[in-house]
Amino acid sequence: MRRALELERDAAAAATARAWLTDALSDPAVISGPARADLLVMASELVTNVISHTRSRPRIAVSCDDDEVLVEVGDDSPDLPQVRDLEPDRVGGNGLRIVEAWSRRWGVERHPDDGKTVWFTVATQPA
């Protein structure tokens, strides 16, 4: 199963992505409970990064197999994301730290057209 969606470039993009992922992963035999909630938070962080740091519309895709769920968030910017050092007084800026800590694996792939995709995987966790 693979599904993809291009989101609007607006303040509701992260919420739209969460609702879309909730629908796409509605089968509790794939992922449920805290693992599903973590996946939604990580996807929200990546979509928010696209809105905050690029001028493009976010693209999101999800696919799964027996072992893991893969979420990909793409944009048209050539700038690679950076995991920032932890600064206790800073508001925001920790999205990639969350993805790094909560995901099974994560990474960034550059596209030939100068865009990129930031992706992460989580283990399937059936109910």
Protein backbone atom coordinates (compact mmCIF):
# COMPACT_ATOMS: atom_id res chain seq x y z
CA MET A 1 0.00 0.00 0.00
CA ARG A 2 1.30 3.44 -0.95
CA ARG A 3 -0.68 6.66 -0.86
CA ALA A 4 0.45 10.20 -1.60
CA LEU A 5 -0.98 13.70 -1.34
CA GLU A 6 0.17 17.22 -2.21
CA LEU A 7 -0.88 19.59 0.55
CA GLU A 8 -1.78 23.25 0.41
CA ARG A 9 0.84 25.69 1.61
CA ASP A 10 -1.09 27.05 4.57
CA ALA A 11 -1.37 26.93 8.34
CA ALA A 12 -3.72 23.94 8.17
CA ALA A 13 -1.24 21.72 6.27
CA ALA A 14 -0.05 19.78 9.33
CA ALA A 15 -3.61 19.15 10.51
CA THR A 16 -4.60 18.06 7.00
CA ALA A 17 -1.62 15.69 6.92
CA ARG A 18 -2.58 14.16 10.28
CA ALA A 19 -6.19 13.62 9.17
CA TRP A 20 -5.07 12.12 5.87
CA LEU A 21 -2.59 9.79 7.59
CA THR A 22 -5.21 8.75 10.13
CA ASP A 23 -7.47 7.75 7.25
CA ALA A 24 -4.67 6.08 5.26
CA LEU A 25 -3.62 4.05 8.31
CA SER A 26 -7.13 3.33 9.58
CA ASP A 27 -6.55 -0.43 9.80
CA PRO A 28 -5.51 -1.07 13.43
CA ALA A 29 -3.73 -4.21 12.21
CA VAL A 30 -1.03 -1.90 10.79
CA ILE A 31 -0.33 0.59 13.58
CA SER A 32 -2.25 1.74 16.61
CA GLY A 33 -2.03 3.34 20.03
CA PRO A 34 1.05 5.34 21.02
CA ALA A 35 2.95 4.31 17.88
CA ARG A 36 0.22 5.87 15.70
CA ALA A 37 0.24 9.03 17.81
CA ASP A 38 4.04 9.30 17.54
CA LEU A 39 3.86 8.84 13.76
CA LEU A 40 1.30 11.67 13.49
CA VAL A 41 3.46 14.01 15.58
CA MET A 42 6.56 13.27 13.49
CA ALA A 43 4.67 13.80 10.23
CA SER A 44 3.28 17.09 11.57
CA GLU A 45 6.78 18.27 12.43
CA LEU A 46 8.08 17.54 8.93
CA VAL A 47 5.12 19.21 7.20
CA THR A 48 5.50 22.23 9.48
CA ASN A 49 9.18 22.41 8.52
CA VAL A 50 8.23 22.63 4.85
CA ILE A 51 5.80 25.48 5.57
CA SER A 52 8.27 27.29 7.84
CA HIS A 53 11.49 26.89 5.87
CA THR A 54 10.59 26.63 2.18
CA ARG A 55 8.33 28.27 -0.37
CA SER A 56 6.91 25.04 -1.76
CA ARG A 57 3.83 22.96 -1.11
CA PRO A 58 4.47 19.93 1.08
CA ARG A 59 4.01 16.48 -0.42
CA ILE A 60 3.35 13.54 1.87
CA ALA A 61 3.36 9.83 1.17
CA VAL A 62 2.87 6.75 3.31
CA SER A 63 3.54 3.10 2.61
CA CYS A 64 3.81 0.03 4.76
CA ASP A 65 4.84 -3.58 4.72
CA ASP A 66 4.70 -6.29 7.36
CA ASP A 67 7.47 -4.73 9.45
CA GLU A 68 7.30 -0.96 9.17
CA VAL A 69 5.46 2.14 8.06
CA LEU A 70 7.35 4.64 5.90
CA VAL A 71 6.31 8.32 5.87
CA GLU A 72 7.89 10.70 3.35
CA VAL A 73 7.52 14.49 3.25
CA GLY A 74 8.87 16.26 0.20
CA ASP A 75 9.38 19.83 -0.96
CA ASP A 76 11.07 21.75 -3.79
CA SER A 77 13.85 23.38 -1.76
CA PRO A 78 17.46 22.25 -2.22
CA ASP A 79 18.28 23.22 1.38
CA LEU A 80 18.83 20.20 3.59
CA PRO A 81 17.30 20.17 7.07
CA GLN A 82 19.60 20.42 10.06
CA VAL A 83 19.16 18.80 13.46
CA ARG A 84 19.67 21.71 15.81
CA ASP A 85 21.47 21.55 19.12
CA LEU A 86 19.12 21.43 22.07
CA GLU A 87 18.56 24.88 23.53
CA PRO A 88 16.22 24.77 26.53
CA ASP A 89 15.03 28.38 26.10
CA ARG A 90 14.29 28.14 22.36
CA VAL A 91 10.67 27.80 21.31
CA GLY A 92 10.43 25.37 18.41
CA GLY A 93 13.24 24.06 16.29
CA ASN A 94 13.19 20.53 17.72
CA GLY A 95 11.15 18.73 15.06
CA LEU A 96 14.04 16.76 13.60
CA ARG A 97 15.26 15.88 17.11
CA ILE A 98 11.83 14.33 17.72
CA VAL A 99 11.99 12.42 14.43
CA GLU A 100 15.51 11.27 15.22
CA ALA A 101 14.53 10.08 18.70
CA TRP A 102 11.17 8.45 17.95
CA SER A 103 11.66 6.86 14.54
CA ARG A 104 13.22 3.51 13.75
CA ARG A 105 15.22 5.13 10.94
CA TRP A 106 15.13 8.48 9.16
CA GLY A 107 16.96 10.32 6.44
CA VAL A 108 16.92 12.82 3.60
CA GLU A 109 17.05 12.15 -0.13
CA ARG A 110 17.90 14.90 -2.62
CA HIS A 111 15.96 15.02 -5.87
CA PRO A 112 17.55 15.79 -9.25
CA ASP A 113 15.25 18.83 -9.54
CA ASP A 114 16.79 20.35 -6.36
CA GLY A 115 13.99 19.24 -4.08
CA LYS A 116 14.26 16.72 -1.29
CA THR A 117 12.31 14.18 0.70
CA VAL A 118 12.67 13.74 4.44
CA TRP A 119 11.51 10.29 5.49
CA PHE A 120 11.15 8.16 8.59
CA THR A 121 10.04 4.66 9.49
CA VAL A 122 8.30 3.23 12.52
CA ALA A 123 7.68 -0.39 13.34
CA THR A 124 4.21 -1.69 12.62
CA GLN A 125 2.38 -2.07 15.90
CA PRO A 126 -0.93 -3.85 15.49
CA ALA A 127 -3.64 -3.55 18.11
